[in-house]
């Protein structure tokens, strides 16, 4: 009886925790977009975002799938990785928190509460206690995607592993760049972020390295 009472007591709490996760809609494989040639011809980096425009859940699903989604029945991904280690983890920063993208479930798992996009806008505090470098345009993008190299998944953490992990993160970033340009979204690949604060808030180990990020939204048109 006590166990039953405890289960009933904890059930609302469990449901509220699970409710923080986001089950994404299936990626739209028929989405209209530019051709590959037109996408490459027009691709450009954007550093001015319209903060009043957000992404739909369908767009977010397509975006995450384009970055590191599962594209084949054998579990291989849209982005190549060395020896198919699949060591690049994708974190989604939004106004209401940070989420980890789980490709197998096509799901966003909440990792931190609140708007933490400022951790991607600057590279941490300098000797004066103030951010030593800030790019505030990142705060206007509704979504930012952070690539983290997981060297546990890679199987080693030496100079060659770091080199290949950086290449693989670049592959993911380029997938994001191409998807955004092809579908009318805007982005820019970046290497600026507050590594230590990100590690702390996400509970990353010393073998998980935040390496680069892409803010994503709509380009702010000049008045």
N, C-alpha and C. Protein backbone atom coordinates (compact mmCIF):
# COMPACT_ATOMS: atom_id res chain seq x y z
N UNK A 1 0.83 -1.20 0.00
CA UNK A 1 0.00 0.00 0.00
C UNK A 1 0.87 1.26 0.00
N UNK A 2 1.94 1.24 0.80
CA UNK A 2 2.83 2.38 0.86
C UNK A 2 3.51 2.62 -0.49
N UNK A 3 3.90 1.51 -1.17
CA UNK A 3 4.55 1.63 -2.47
C UNK A 3 3.58 2.24 -3.48
N UNK A 4 2.30 1.84 -3.40
CA UNK A 4 1.29 2.36 -4.31
C UNK A 4 1.09 3.85 -4.08
N UNK A 5 1.05 4.24 -2.79
CA UNK A 5 0.88 5.66 -2.45
C UNK A 5 2.06 6.48 -2.96
N UNK A 6 3.29 5.92 -2.80
CA UNK A 6 4.48 6.62 -3.25
C UNK A 6 4.46 6.79 -4.77
N UNK A 7 4.01 5.76 -5.49
CA UNK A 7 3.93 5.84 -6.95
C UNK A 7 2.96 6.93 -7.38
N UNK A 8 1.79 7.00 -6.74
CA UNK A 8 0.78 8.01 -7.07
C UNK A 8 1.31 9.41 -6.75
N UNK A 9 2.07 9.53 -5.65
CA UNK A 9 2.62 10.82 -5.25
C UNK A 9 3.66 11.31 -6.25
N UNK A 10 4.50 10.40 -6.73
CA UNK A 10 5.58 10.79 -7.63
C UNK A 10 5.16 10.90 -9.08
N UNK A 11 4.01 10.31 -9.44
CA UNK A 11 3.59 10.29 -10.84
C UNK A 11 3.49 11.68 -11.45
N UNK A 12 2.83 12.67 -10.82
CA UNK A 12 2.78 14.00 -11.43
C UNK A 12 4.16 14.60 -11.67
N UNK A 13 5.10 14.35 -10.71
CA UNK A 13 6.45 14.86 -10.88
C UNK A 13 7.13 14.24 -12.09
N UNK A 14 6.98 12.93 -12.26
CA UNK A 14 7.59 12.23 -13.40
C UNK A 14 7.01 12.74 -14.71
N UNK A 15 5.71 12.95 -14.72
CA UNK A 15 5.07 13.43 -15.94
C UNK A 15 5.55 14.84 -16.28
N UNK A 16 5.74 15.68 -15.26
CA UNK A 16 6.18 17.04 -15.52
C UNK A 16 7.60 17.07 -16.05
N UNK A 17 8.46 16.17 -15.56
CA UNK A 17 9.83 16.10 -16.05
C UNK A 17 9.84 15.65 -17.50
N UNK A 18 9.11 14.57 -17.80
CA UNK A 18 9.07 14.05 -19.16
C UNK A 18 8.45 15.06 -20.12
N UNK A 19 7.49 15.85 -19.60
CA UNK A 19 6.80 16.81 -20.46
C UNK A 19 7.74 17.91 -20.95
N UNK A 20 8.90 18.05 -20.31
CA UNK A 20 9.85 19.06 -20.75
C UNK A 20 10.54 18.66 -22.04
N UNK A 21 10.60 17.37 -22.33
CA UNK A 21 11.18 16.90 -23.57
C UNK A 21 10.24 17.19 -24.73
N UNK A 22 10.79 17.22 -25.94
CA UNK A 22 9.99 17.55 -27.12
C UNK A 22 10.09 16.41 -28.13
N UNK A 23 8.97 15.77 -28.41
CA UNK A 23 8.92 14.79 -29.49
C UNK A 23 8.69 15.54 -30.80
N UNK A 24 9.68 15.53 -31.65
CA UNK A 24 9.61 16.28 -32.90
C UNK A 24 8.74 15.56 -33.93
N UNK A 25 8.07 16.30 -34.80
CA UNK A 25 7.35 15.66 -35.91
C UNK A 25 8.35 15.03 -36.87
N UNK A 26 7.90 14.08 -37.65
CA UNK A 26 8.79 13.44 -38.62
C UNK A 26 9.34 14.46 -39.61
N UNK A 27 10.61 14.35 -39.99
CA UNK A 27 11.16 15.29 -40.97
C UNK A 27 10.38 15.21 -42.28
N UNK A 28 10.23 16.34 -42.92
CA UNK A 28 9.49 16.43 -44.18
C UNK A 28 10.43 16.17 -45.35
N UNK A 29 10.38 14.97 -45.89
CA UNK A 29 11.27 14.60 -46.99
C UNK A 29 10.83 15.18 -48.33
N UNK A 30 9.69 15.84 -48.35
CA UNK A 30 9.19 16.45 -49.57
C UNK A 30 9.26 17.96 -49.52
N UNK A 31 9.97 18.50 -48.55
CA UNK A 31 10.05 19.95 -48.40
C UNK A 31 10.62 20.61 -49.66
N UNK A 32 9.99 21.68 -50.09
CA UNK A 32 10.47 22.42 -51.25
C UNK A 32 11.75 23.17 -50.89
N UNK A 33 12.73 23.14 -51.80
CA UNK A 33 13.99 23.81 -51.53
C UNK A 33 14.71 24.12 -52.83
N UNK A 34 15.77 24.92 -52.72
CA UNK A 34 16.60 25.20 -53.88
C UNK A 34 17.35 23.95 -54.31
N UNK A 35 17.79 23.92 -55.54
CA UNK A 35 18.64 22.83 -56.01
C UNK A 35 20.00 22.92 -55.33
N UNK A 36 20.77 21.86 -55.40
CA UNK A 36 22.10 21.87 -54.80
C UNK A 36 22.96 22.97 -55.42
N UNK A 37 22.93 23.11 -56.73
CA UNK A 37 23.75 24.11 -57.40
C UNK A 37 23.34 25.52 -56.98
N UNK A 38 22.04 25.80 -56.95
CA UNK A 38 21.57 27.11 -56.53
C UNK A 38 21.89 27.38 -55.06
N UNK A 39 21.82 26.35 -54.25
CA UNK A 39 22.15 26.51 -52.83
C UNK A 39 23.61 26.88 -52.66
N UNK A 40 24.50 26.18 -53.35
CA UNK A 40 25.92 26.48 -53.25
C UNK A 40 26.25 27.86 -53.82
N UNK A 41 25.55 28.22 -54.88
CA UNK A 41 25.80 29.51 -55.51
C UNK A 41 25.39 30.67 -54.61
N UNK A 42 24.33 30.51 -53.85
CA UNK A 42 23.78 31.62 -53.07
C UNK A 42 24.13 31.55 -51.58
N UNK A 43 24.76 30.45 -51.14
CA UNK A 43 25.04 30.30 -49.71
C UNK A 43 25.88 31.47 -49.20
N UNK A 44 25.48 32.01 -48.05
CA UNK A 44 26.22 33.11 -47.43
C UNK A 44 25.96 33.12 -45.94
N UNK A 45 26.88 33.69 -45.21
CA UNK A 45 26.74 33.78 -43.75
C UNK A 45 25.93 35.01 -43.38
N UNK A 46 25.11 34.86 -42.35
CA UNK A 46 24.24 35.94 -41.88
C UNK A 46 24.52 36.22 -40.41
N UNK A 47 24.66 37.49 -40.08
CA UNK A 47 24.92 37.90 -38.69
C UNK A 47 23.90 38.93 -38.22
N UNK A 48 22.76 38.95 -38.88
CA UNK A 48 21.68 39.85 -38.48
C UNK A 48 20.37 39.08 -38.58
N UNK A 49 19.78 38.77 -37.43
CA UNK A 49 18.59 37.92 -37.37
C UNK A 49 17.36 38.71 -36.93
N UNK A 50 16.21 38.33 -37.49
CA UNK A 50 14.94 38.92 -37.09
C UNK A 50 14.45 38.22 -35.82
N UNK A 51 14.57 38.90 -34.69
CA UNK A 51 14.24 38.29 -33.40
C UNK A 51 12.74 38.06 -33.22
N UNK A 52 11.93 38.59 -34.11
CA UNK A 52 10.48 38.42 -34.01
C UNK A 52 9.97 37.20 -34.77
N UNK A 53 10.87 36.52 -35.49
CA UNK A 53 10.47 35.34 -36.25
C UNK A 53 11.07 34.09 -35.63
N UNK A 54 10.23 33.09 -35.42
CA UNK A 54 10.67 31.84 -34.82
C UNK A 54 10.57 30.70 -35.83
N UNK A 55 11.06 29.54 -35.44
CA UNK A 55 10.97 28.35 -36.28
C UNK A 55 9.80 27.49 -35.80
N UNK A 56 9.15 26.82 -36.72
CA UNK A 56 8.10 25.87 -36.35
C UNK A 56 8.77 24.56 -35.88
N UNK A 57 8.00 23.70 -35.24
CA UNK A 57 8.51 22.41 -34.82
C UNK A 57 8.92 21.56 -36.03
N UNK A 58 8.20 21.70 -37.13
CA UNK A 58 8.55 20.97 -38.35
C UNK A 58 9.90 21.45 -38.88
N UNK A 59 10.11 22.77 -38.90
CA UNK A 59 11.40 23.30 -39.34
C UNK A 59 12.54 22.83 -38.43
N UNK A 60 12.27 22.83 -37.13
CA UNK A 60 13.29 22.40 -36.17
C UNK A 60 13.63 20.93 -36.37
N UNK A 61 12.62 20.13 -36.63
CA UNK A 61 12.85 18.71 -36.90
C UNK A 61 13.68 18.52 -38.15
N UNK A 62 13.33 19.22 -39.22
CA UNK A 62 14.09 19.14 -40.47
C UNK A 62 15.54 19.58 -40.27
N UNK A 63 15.71 20.66 -39.50
CA UNK A 63 17.03 21.23 -39.26
C UNK A 63 17.92 20.23 -38.51
N UNK A 64 17.40 19.65 -37.44
CA UNK A 64 18.19 18.69 -36.66
C UNK A 64 18.50 17.44 -37.48
N UNK A 65 17.51 17.00 -38.25
CA UNK A 65 17.73 15.82 -39.10
C UNK A 65 18.81 16.11 -40.13
N UNK A 66 18.75 17.30 -40.75
CA UNK A 66 19.77 17.66 -41.73
C UNK A 66 21.16 17.66 -41.10
N UNK A 67 21.25 18.07 -39.85
CA UNK A 67 22.55 18.16 -39.17
C UNK A 67 23.13 16.79 -38.85
N UNK A 68 22.39 15.99 -38.10
CA UNK A 68 22.91 14.68 -37.66
C UNK A 68 21.80 13.63 -37.59
N UNK A 69 20.84 13.71 -38.48
CA UNK A 69 19.74 12.75 -38.45
C UNK A 69 20.11 11.41 -39.06
N UNK A 70 19.29 10.42 -38.78
CA UNK A 70 19.49 9.09 -39.34
C UNK A 70 18.89 9.05 -40.74
N UNK A 71 19.69 8.68 -41.72
CA UNK A 71 19.25 8.73 -43.11
C UNK A 71 19.13 7.35 -43.76
N UNK A 72 19.57 6.31 -43.07
CA UNK A 72 19.52 4.97 -43.64
C UNK A 72 19.11 3.96 -42.59
N UNK A 73 18.62 2.82 -43.04
CA UNK A 73 18.12 1.81 -42.12
C UNK A 73 19.22 1.23 -41.24
N UNK A 74 20.47 1.33 -41.68
CA UNK A 74 21.56 0.79 -40.86
C UNK A 74 22.04 1.77 -39.80
N UNK A 75 21.34 2.92 -39.67
CA UNK A 75 21.66 3.87 -38.62
C UNK A 75 22.69 4.91 -38.98
N UNK A 76 23.14 4.94 -40.22
CA UNK A 76 24.11 5.95 -40.63
C UNK A 76 23.43 7.32 -40.73
N UNK A 77 24.26 8.35 -40.64
CA UNK A 77 23.74 9.70 -40.48
C UNK A 77 23.83 10.53 -41.75
N UNK A 78 23.14 11.67 -41.73
CA UNK A 78 23.21 12.62 -42.84
C UNK A 78 24.59 13.23 -42.98
N UNK A 79 25.33 13.32 -41.88
CA UNK A 79 26.68 13.90 -41.90
C UNK A 79 27.71 12.79 -41.70
N UNK A 80 28.80 12.80 -42.50
CA UNK A 80 29.83 11.76 -42.36
C UNK A 80 30.68 11.97 -41.11
N UNK A 81 31.11 10.85 -40.51
CA UNK A 81 32.06 10.90 -39.40
C UNK A 81 33.13 9.85 -39.64
N UNK A 82 34.32 10.10 -39.12
CA UNK A 82 35.44 9.19 -39.30
C UNK A 82 35.10 7.81 -38.74
N UNK A 83 35.25 6.78 -39.58
CA UNK A 83 35.00 5.39 -39.17
C UNK A 83 33.57 5.19 -38.65
N UNK A 84 32.67 6.11 -39.04
CA UNK A 84 31.28 6.07 -38.58
C UNK A 84 31.17 6.06 -37.05
N UNK A 85 32.03 6.81 -36.40
CA UNK A 85 32.00 6.85 -34.93
C UNK A 85 30.77 7.61 -34.41
N UNK A 86 30.23 8.52 -35.22
CA UNK A 86 29.06 9.30 -34.83
C UNK A 86 29.28 9.99 -33.48
N UNK A 87 30.43 10.64 -33.38
CA UNK A 87 30.85 11.22 -32.09
C UNK A 87 30.40 12.66 -31.90
N UNK A 88 29.68 13.22 -32.88
CA UNK A 88 29.23 14.60 -32.74
C UNK A 88 27.83 14.62 -32.11
N UNK A 89 27.74 15.23 -30.94
CA UNK A 89 26.45 15.39 -30.25
C UNK A 89 25.92 16.78 -30.56
N UNK A 90 24.62 16.88 -30.77
CA UNK A 90 23.99 18.14 -31.14
C UNK A 90 23.12 18.66 -30.01
N UNK A 91 23.39 19.90 -29.58
CA UNK A 91 22.59 20.54 -28.54
C UNK A 91 21.88 21.74 -29.13
N UNK A 92 20.61 21.89 -28.78
CA UNK A 92 19.76 22.94 -29.32
C UNK A 92 19.49 23.97 -28.23
N UNK A 93 19.95 25.20 -28.43
CA UNK A 93 19.73 26.31 -27.49
C UNK A 93 18.54 27.12 -27.97
N UNK A 94 17.55 27.26 -27.09
CA UNK A 94 16.36 28.06 -27.40
C UNK A 94 16.02 28.94 -26.19
N UNK A 95 15.02 29.76 -26.35
CA UNK A 95 14.66 30.70 -25.29
C UNK A 95 14.26 29.99 -24.00
N UNK A 96 13.68 28.80 -24.14
CA UNK A 96 13.18 28.11 -22.94
C UNK A 96 14.11 27.02 -22.42
N UNK A 97 15.32 26.91 -22.97
CA UNK A 97 16.25 25.93 -22.44
C UNK A 97 17.20 25.35 -23.47
N UNK A 98 18.01 24.39 -22.99
CA UNK A 98 18.94 23.67 -23.86
C UNK A 98 18.47 22.22 -23.97
N UNK A 99 18.49 21.70 -25.18
CA UNK A 99 18.04 20.33 -25.44
C UNK A 99 19.12 19.56 -26.18
N UNK A 100 19.17 18.25 -25.93
CA UNK A 100 20.03 17.38 -26.72
C UNK A 100 19.18 16.66 -27.76
N UNK A 101 19.63 16.68 -29.00
CA UNK A 101 18.90 16.00 -30.07
C UNK A 101 19.24 14.52 -30.06
N UNK A 102 18.23 13.68 -29.95
CA UNK A 102 18.38 12.23 -30.01
C UNK A 102 17.84 11.75 -31.35
N UNK A 103 18.76 11.40 -32.24
CA UNK A 103 18.38 11.10 -33.62
C UNK A 103 17.50 9.85 -33.72
N UNK A 104 17.79 8.83 -32.93
CA UNK A 104 17.03 7.58 -33.03
C UNK A 104 15.56 7.80 -32.71
N UNK A 105 15.28 8.63 -31.72
CA UNK A 105 13.89 8.90 -31.33
C UNK A 105 13.33 10.14 -31.99
N UNK A 106 14.17 10.89 -32.74
CA UNK A 106 13.79 12.19 -33.30
C UNK A 106 13.16 13.04 -32.20
N UNK A 107 13.94 13.26 -31.17
CA UNK A 107 13.43 13.85 -29.94
C UNK A 107 14.44 14.83 -29.37
N UNK A 108 13.94 15.87 -28.69
CA UNK A 108 14.79 16.81 -27.97
C UNK A 108 14.64 16.55 -26.47
N UNK A 109 15.75 16.24 -25.82
CA UNK A 109 15.75 15.94 -24.39
C UNK A 109 16.29 17.16 -23.64
N UNK A 110 15.50 17.68 -22.73
CA UNK A 110 15.88 18.91 -22.03
C UNK A 110 17.05 18.67 -21.10
N UNK A 111 18.06 19.54 -21.20
CA UNK A 111 19.27 19.42 -20.39
C UNK A 111 19.46 20.59 -19.43
N UNK A 112 18.88 21.74 -19.74
CA UNK A 112 19.01 22.92 -18.87
C UNK A 112 17.84 23.85 -19.10
N UNK A 113 17.44 24.55 -18.04
CA UNK A 113 16.31 25.47 -18.12
C UNK A 113 16.77 26.86 -18.55
N UNK A 114 15.82 27.65 -19.03
CA UNK A 114 16.05 29.06 -19.26
C UNK A 114 16.83 29.36 -20.53
N UNK A 115 16.92 30.64 -20.82
CA UNK A 115 17.59 31.12 -22.02
C UNK A 115 19.10 31.18 -21.77
N UNK A 116 19.83 30.26 -22.36
CA UNK A 116 21.28 30.19 -22.17
C UNK A 116 22.05 30.57 -23.44
N UNK A 117 21.38 31.22 -24.37
CA UNK A 117 22.04 31.57 -25.63
C UNK A 117 23.24 32.50 -25.43
N UNK A 118 23.26 33.20 -24.31
CA UNK A 118 24.40 34.10 -24.03
C UNK A 118 25.70 33.32 -23.92
N UNK A 119 25.62 32.02 -23.59
CA UNK A 119 26.83 31.21 -23.49
C UNK A 119 27.46 30.98 -24.87
N UNK A 120 26.66 31.16 -25.91
CA UNK A 120 27.17 31.03 -27.26
C UNK A 120 27.57 32.37 -27.86
N UNK A 121 27.08 33.45 -27.26
CA UNK A 121 27.36 34.79 -27.80
C UNK A 121 28.77 35.26 -27.46
N UNK A 122 29.30 34.79 -26.33
CA UNK A 122 30.62 35.24 -25.89
C UNK A 122 31.51 34.09 -25.49
N UNK A 123 32.78 34.39 -25.26
CA UNK A 123 33.75 33.34 -24.95
C UNK A 123 34.15 33.32 -23.48
N UNK A 124 33.26 33.78 -22.62
CA UNK A 124 33.55 33.74 -21.19
C UNK A 124 34.11 35.05 -20.68
N UNK A 125 34.39 35.10 -19.38
CA UNK A 125 34.84 36.34 -18.75
C UNK A 125 36.35 36.49 -18.83
N UNK A 126 36.77 37.72 -19.11
CA UNK A 126 38.19 38.04 -19.12
C UNK A 126 38.68 38.37 -17.73
N UNK A 127 39.86 38.89 -17.63
CA UNK A 127 40.45 39.21 -16.33
C UNK A 127 39.68 40.30 -15.59
N UNK A 128 38.93 41.13 -16.33
CA UNK A 128 38.16 42.20 -15.70
C UNK A 128 36.83 41.72 -15.14
N UNK A 129 36.49 40.46 -15.40
CA UNK A 129 35.23 39.92 -14.95
C UNK A 129 34.10 40.11 -15.94
N UNK A 130 34.38 40.81 -17.03
CA UNK A 130 33.39 41.02 -18.08
C UNK A 130 33.71 40.12 -19.28
N UNK A 131 32.69 39.80 -20.10
CA UNK A 131 32.97 39.00 -21.30
C UNK A 131 34.05 39.65 -22.14
N UNK A 132 35.05 38.86 -22.52
CA UNK A 132 36.15 39.42 -23.29
C UNK A 132 35.83 39.51 -24.77
N UNK A 133 34.78 38.81 -25.20
CA UNK A 133 34.39 38.87 -26.61
C UNK A 133 32.92 38.49 -26.70
N UNK A 134 32.11 39.34 -27.31
CA UNK A 134 30.68 39.08 -27.42
C UNK A 134 30.20 39.37 -28.84
N UNK A 135 29.29 38.53 -29.32
CA UNK A 135 28.61 38.74 -30.60
C UNK A 135 27.11 38.65 -30.31
N UNK A 136 26.52 39.80 -29.98
CA UNK A 136 25.16 39.82 -29.47
C UNK A 136 24.10 39.43 -30.51
N UNK A 137 24.47 39.40 -31.78
CA UNK A 137 23.48 38.99 -32.79
C UNK A 137 23.00 37.56 -32.54
N UNK A 138 23.81 36.76 -31.86
CA UNK A 138 23.42 35.39 -31.55
C UNK A 138 22.15 35.36 -30.71
N UNK A 139 21.96 36.37 -29.87
CA UNK A 139 20.79 36.42 -28.98
C UNK A 139 19.50 36.66 -29.75
N UNK A 140 19.59 37.14 -30.98
CA UNK A 140 18.40 37.39 -31.80
C UNK A 140 17.95 36.17 -32.59
N UNK A 141 18.85 35.20 -32.76
CA UNK A 141 18.48 33.97 -33.48
C UNK A 141 17.66 33.09 -32.55
N UNK A 142 16.47 32.62 -32.98
CA UNK A 142 15.62 31.83 -32.10
C UNK A 142 16.21 30.48 -31.70
N UNK A 143 17.11 29.95 -32.52
CA UNK A 143 17.71 28.64 -32.28
C UNK A 143 19.20 28.73 -32.55
N UNK A 144 19.99 28.08 -31.71
CA UNK A 144 21.41 27.89 -32.00
C UNK A 144 21.74 26.42 -31.79
N UNK A 145 22.49 25.86 -32.73
CA UNK A 145 22.89 24.46 -32.66
C UNK A 145 24.36 24.38 -32.28
N UNK A 146 24.65 23.65 -31.21
CA UNK A 146 26.01 23.48 -30.73
C UNK A 146 26.49 22.07 -31.01
N UNK A 147 27.67 21.95 -31.64
CA UNK A 147 28.28 20.65 -31.88
C UNK A 147 29.29 20.34 -30.78
N UNK A 148 29.17 19.16 -30.19
CA UNK A 148 30.08 18.72 -29.14
C UNK A 148 30.73 17.41 -29.58
N UNK A 149 32.06 17.37 -29.54
CA UNK A 149 32.78 16.13 -29.86
C UNK A 149 32.84 15.27 -28.61
N UNK A 150 32.35 14.04 -28.72
CA UNK A 150 32.39 13.09 -27.61
C UNK A 150 33.49 12.07 -27.89
N UNK A 151 34.64 12.25 -27.24
CA UNK A 151 35.78 11.38 -27.51
C UNK A 151 35.61 9.99 -26.92
N UNK A 152 34.68 9.82 -25.99
CA UNK A 152 34.35 8.47 -25.52
C UNK A 152 33.76 7.66 -26.67
N UNK A 153 32.89 8.29 -27.46
CA UNK A 153 32.32 7.61 -28.61
C UNK A 153 33.37 7.37 -29.68
N UNK A 154 34.30 8.30 -29.82
CA UNK A 154 35.35 8.16 -30.83
C UNK A 154 36.30 7.01 -30.48
N UNK A 155 36.49 6.80 -29.16
CA UNK A 155 37.32 5.67 -28.73
C UNK A 155 38.75 6.04 -28.39
N UNK A 156 39.13 7.30 -28.54
CA UNK A 156 40.46 7.76 -28.17
C UNK A 156 40.44 9.28 -28.08
N UNK A 157 41.46 9.84 -27.44
CA UNK A 157 41.52 11.30 -27.27
C UNK A 157 42.97 11.73 -27.45
N UNK A 158 43.44 11.67 -28.68
CA UNK A 158 44.79 12.10 -28.99
C UNK A 158 44.72 13.15 -30.10
N UNK A 159 45.87 13.57 -30.60
CA UNK A 159 45.91 14.63 -31.59
C UNK A 159 45.11 14.29 -32.84
N UNK A 160 45.22 13.03 -33.30
CA UNK A 160 44.49 12.62 -34.50
C UNK A 160 42.99 12.60 -34.24
N UNK A 161 42.57 12.17 -33.07
CA UNK A 161 41.14 12.14 -32.73
C UNK A 161 40.58 13.56 -32.70
N UNK A 162 41.33 14.50 -32.15
CA UNK A 162 40.89 15.89 -32.12
C UNK A 162 40.76 16.43 -33.53
N UNK A 163 41.75 16.12 -34.37
CA UNK A 163 41.71 16.57 -35.76
C UNK A 163 40.47 16.04 -36.48
N UNK A 164 40.21 14.74 -36.33
CA UNK A 164 39.06 14.15 -37.02
C UNK A 164 37.74 14.62 -36.43
N UNK A 165 37.71 14.82 -35.12
CA UNK A 165 36.50 15.34 -34.49
C UNK A 165 36.15 16.72 -35.00
N UNK A 166 37.17 17.56 -35.18
CA UNK A 166 36.94 18.90 -35.72
C UNK A 166 36.43 18.84 -37.16
N UNK A 167 36.99 17.93 -37.96
CA UNK A 167 36.52 17.74 -39.33
C UNK A 167 35.06 17.32 -39.33
N UNK A 168 34.71 16.37 -38.46
CA UNK A 168 33.34 15.85 -38.42
C UNK A 168 32.35 16.92 -37.96
N UNK A 169 32.76 17.75 -37.00
CA UNK A 169 31.90 18.85 -36.57
C UNK A 169 31.69 19.84 -37.71
N UNK A 170 32.75 20.06 -38.50
CA UNK A 170 32.62 20.93 -39.67
C UNK A 170 31.65 20.36 -40.69
N UNK A 171 31.63 19.04 -40.83
CA UNK A 171 30.67 18.40 -41.73
C UNK A 171 29.23 18.68 -41.28
N UNK A 172 29.00 18.56 -39.97
CA UNK A 172 27.67 18.82 -39.43
C UNK A 172 27.28 20.28 -39.67
N UNK A 173 28.22 21.18 -39.40
CA UNK A 173 27.95 22.60 -39.61
C UNK A 173 27.62 22.90 -41.07
N UNK A 174 28.33 22.27 -41.99
CA UNK A 174 28.05 22.52 -43.40
C UNK A 174 26.67 21.98 -43.80
N UNK A 175 26.27 20.86 -43.22
CA UNK A 175 24.90 20.39 -43.46
C UNK A 175 23.88 21.44 -43.04
N UNK A 176 24.14 22.06 -41.89
CA UNK A 176 23.25 23.11 -41.39
C UNK A 176 23.25 24.30 -42.35
N UNK A 177 24.44 24.70 -42.78
CA UNK A 177 24.56 25.83 -43.71
C UNK A 177 23.76 25.57 -44.99
N UNK A 178 23.92 24.38 -45.55
CA UNK A 178 23.26 24.05 -46.82
C UNK A 178 21.75 23.98 -46.64
N UNK A 179 21.31 23.32 -45.54
CA UNK A 179 19.87 23.22 -45.31
C UNK A 179 19.24 24.60 -45.17
N UNK A 180 19.88 25.46 -44.39
CA UNK A 180 19.31 26.80 -44.16
C UNK A 180 19.22 27.58 -45.47
N UNK A 181 20.28 27.58 -46.26
CA UNK A 181 20.26 28.33 -47.51
C UNK A 181 19.21 27.78 -48.48
N UNK A 182 19.07 26.47 -48.50
CA UNK A 182 18.14 25.83 -49.44
C UNK A 182 16.68 26.07 -49.08
N UNK A 183 16.39 26.38 -47.81
CA UNK A 183 15.00 26.48 -47.37
C UNK A 183 14.60 27.86 -46.87
N UNK A 184 15.45 28.86 -47.08
CA UNK A 184 15.07 30.23 -46.73
C UNK A 184 15.42 30.65 -45.32
N UNK A 185 16.18 29.84 -44.60
CA UNK A 185 16.63 30.21 -43.27
C UNK A 185 18.03 30.84 -43.36
N UNK A 186 18.49 31.39 -42.25
CA UNK A 186 19.78 32.07 -42.22
C UNK A 186 20.63 31.49 -41.10
N UNK A 187 21.95 31.44 -41.32
CA UNK A 187 22.86 30.93 -40.30
C UNK A 187 24.28 31.41 -40.57
N UNK A 188 25.16 31.13 -39.61
CA UNK A 188 26.59 31.40 -39.77
C UNK A 188 27.34 30.42 -38.87
N UNK A 189 28.38 29.75 -39.39
CA UNK A 189 29.17 28.86 -38.53
C UNK A 189 30.10 29.68 -37.64
N UNK A 190 30.21 29.28 -36.37
CA UNK A 190 30.99 30.05 -35.40
C UNK A 190 31.79 29.11 -34.50
N UNK A 191 32.90 29.63 -33.99
CA UNK A 191 33.71 28.89 -33.02
C UNK A 191 33.77 29.60 -31.67
N UNK A 192 33.03 30.70 -31.53
CA UNK A 192 33.01 31.46 -30.27
C UNK A 192 31.91 30.92 -29.36
N UNK A 193 32.28 30.58 -28.13
CA UNK A 193 31.33 30.22 -27.09
C UNK A 193 32.09 30.07 -25.77
N UNK A 194 31.35 30.06 -24.68
CA UNK A 194 31.94 29.94 -23.35
C UNK A 194 32.05 28.45 -22.99
N UNK A 195 33.17 27.86 -23.37
CA UNK A 195 33.35 26.41 -23.24
C UNK A 195 33.14 25.91 -21.83
N UNK A 196 33.77 26.53 -20.85
CA UNK A 196 33.71 26.02 -19.48
C UNK A 196 32.31 26.15 -18.88
N UNK A 197 31.63 27.26 -19.16
CA UNK A 197 30.27 27.42 -18.64
C UNK A 197 29.31 26.42 -19.29
N UNK A 198 29.51 26.16 -20.57
CA UNK A 198 28.69 25.17 -21.27
C UNK A 198 28.93 23.79 -20.68
N UNK A 199 30.17 23.46 -20.46
CA UNK A 199 30.49 22.16 -19.84
C UNK A 199 29.79 22.02 -18.49
N UNK A 200 29.81 23.08 -17.72
CA UNK A 200 29.23 23.04 -16.38
C UNK A 200 27.72 22.87 -16.43
N UNK A 201 27.05 23.65 -17.25
CA UNK A 201 25.58 23.62 -17.26
C UNK A 201 25.04 22.34 -17.88
N UNK A 202 25.80 21.74 -18.81
CA UNK A 202 25.35 20.50 -19.45
C UNK A 202 25.91 19.26 -18.77
N UNK A 203 26.79 19.44 -17.81
CA UNK A 203 27.37 18.29 -17.12
C UNK A 203 28.27 17.46 -18.02
N UNK A 204 29.00 18.14 -18.92
CA UNK A 204 29.88 17.42 -19.85
C UNK A 204 31.16 16.99 -19.14
N UNK A 205 31.74 15.91 -19.61
CA UNK A 205 33.00 15.43 -19.05
C UNK A 205 34.17 16.11 -19.76
N UNK A 206 35.38 15.86 -19.27
CA UNK A 206 36.56 16.45 -19.91
C UNK A 206 36.87 15.78 -21.24
N UNK A 207 36.11 14.75 -21.59
CA UNK A 207 36.27 14.09 -22.89
C UNK A 207 35.15 14.49 -23.86
N UNK A 208 34.39 15.52 -23.49
CA UNK A 208 33.35 16.07 -24.37
C UNK A 208 33.69 17.54 -24.62
N UNK A 209 33.95 17.87 -25.87
CA UNK A 209 34.46 19.20 -26.20
C UNK A 209 33.49 19.98 -27.07
N UNK A 210 32.87 21.07 -26.55
CA UNK A 210 32.08 21.97 -27.39
C UNK A 210 33.01 22.63 -28.40
N UNK A 211 32.70 22.50 -29.69
CA UNK A 211 33.67 22.90 -30.70
C UNK A 211 33.19 24.01 -31.62
N UNK A 212 31.91 24.03 -32.00
CA UNK A 212 31.41 25.10 -32.86
C UNK A 212 29.89 25.15 -32.80
N UNK A 213 29.33 26.25 -33.31
CA UNK A 213 27.88 26.40 -33.24
C UNK A 213 27.36 27.19 -34.43
N UNK A 214 26.08 27.00 -34.70
CA UNK A 214 25.37 27.73 -35.77
C UNK A 214 24.09 28.34 -35.22
N UNK A 215 24.02 29.67 -35.07
CA UNK A 215 22.72 30.30 -34.79
C UNK A 215 21.86 30.19 -36.05
N UNK A 216 20.56 29.97 -35.87
CA UNK A 216 19.66 29.77 -37.02
C UNK A 216 18.39 30.59 -36.81
N UNK A 217 17.96 31.26 -37.86
CA UNK A 217 16.70 32.01 -37.82
C UNK A 217 16.41 32.57 -39.19
N UNK A 218 15.78 33.74 -39.20
CA UNK A 218 15.49 34.45 -40.45
C UNK A 218 16.35 35.70 -40.52
N UNK A 219 16.85 35.98 -41.69
CA UNK A 219 17.70 37.16 -41.85
C UNK A 219 16.87 38.43 -41.67
N UNK A 220 17.42 39.37 -40.92
CA UNK A 220 16.78 40.66 -40.73
C UNK A 220 17.08 41.53 -41.93
N UNK A 221 16.03 41.95 -42.59
CA UNK A 221 16.20 42.74 -43.80
C UNK A 221 16.50 44.20 -43.46
N UNK A 222 17.36 44.79 -44.24
CA UNK A 222 17.70 46.20 -44.03
C UNK A 222 16.50 47.08 -44.27
N UNK A 223 16.32 48.07 -43.44
CA UNK A 223 15.19 49.00 -43.56
C UNK A 223 15.39 49.95 -44.73
